[in-house]
Amino acid sequence: MLSNETERYVGLMSGTSLDGIDAVLSEIDQNGKSRLIAQHYLPYSEDLRGRLLRLHSPQIDELHLAALTGNELARHYADAVQSLLRVANSENGAVRAIGCHGQTVRHRPEVGYTLQIGNAALLAELAGIAVVTDFRSRDIAAGGQGAPLVPAFHADQLQHPQMHRVVVNIGGIANVTDLPPDGPVRGWDTGPGNLLLDAWIHRQQGKCFDEHGAWAASGKVIPDLLDALLSHPYFRQSPPKSAGREQFNIEWLLAAMHELNRAAPDAADVQATLTELTARTLCEAIRHDCMGAREVYVCGGGVHNRLLMQRIAALLDPVGVASTQTVGIDPDWMEALAFAWLARQAIHHRPANIPSVTGAHGPRILGAIYPA
């Protein structure tokens, strides 16, 4: 260990986009402030991504398949940790714990459960480092949504004593954290982020994502399709709320297109419409539920989508919109840093949920610890 006051943690994040593993080495001081030491990205193979995607739906022998895939993920996580420590020129003994989100394959808080796979026991064995995982379940047991969890980290690192800020994360699902200088911290999933954008371009062009939003920028928004998508009841629900592939998926998009009973639209126009859907639902949540916000900081993969960022800035004008890099946190590594911080909270027996965000009955210590 560096000292009794400063510790190092690894954060592992593999999110709804199913693209790969973000790994960070974070140095956290006695006040909980995080500093990024090193980072590493390990992409999923197309085969693994496909198997993970299929686990979101019922299939024959899915328990066996989920267990095998969880073991495979643990080996990938261990590889990511080893590569990360090589980059940082650090030994595993210098790391207090790994915070591993695991890969979500089901999230059903309305019926009382969530499931992230990844076999943390195997990861602890392979890495030789304690692992903290299963962060969502305790919050759900306490009546909460179990998500989003990152707002607690946003509040700890970025809340300002005078300025009303909002932090936006655009991963597969988009979420907001409302950080007023006075009043409760709030946060919730606003709806699809990159999830449908990635799914549509993969279906049409075999690409994993729309680089800089260039394909969407070549199309035009389809008004009736946008209206149909905006009619999803999730957008009318009040927070706290959380979402995932259970609500927003390619089948939902195709059904909406079919219901319009019209000739097949131009594929680029669909991509433009999906980009507008993400921007509209995100900005409407901020305008309606974060009134008085003066600064909006964006992180996650969506920060690299130029069209999406332009639309967010236009819809929120005159509120300032910028990357979280502006306030000292690399937007690509925010969530992985958050899970390093969440691991520290568990190791030190400190609550890590925010009841005003998740709807839980009260503060809870989150995560299951697998010692090295």
Foldseek 3Di string as FASTA:
>chain_A
DPDPFKAWEKFWDQEQLQFWIKIFIWIAGNLGEIDTQWIDTDTDDPVLSVLLQPLLDDDPPSVVSLQVSLQVLLVRVLVRVVVGCVVNVHALVRHAEYQYAAYWSDQDLVVQDTDHGRPQLVNCVSNVHKYWYQFQNVLSVLVWRSDDQLLLVCQSHPADLAAWEKEWEAAQWIKIWTRHNDDAIAMATLGGGQNVQQVLCCVVPVDRHCFLQVLLVVAAADVQLLVLVCPQCVLVDDDPDYDHVVRDDPVVSVVSVVVVVDPDDDSSNVSNSVLVSNLVSVLVCCVPPNPPHQEYAYAYPNLRNNVSQVSNPVSNPPRYYYHCVVVPDHRHCSNSSSSRSLVVCLVVVHFRGRCNHTVGPDTHNGTDMNGD
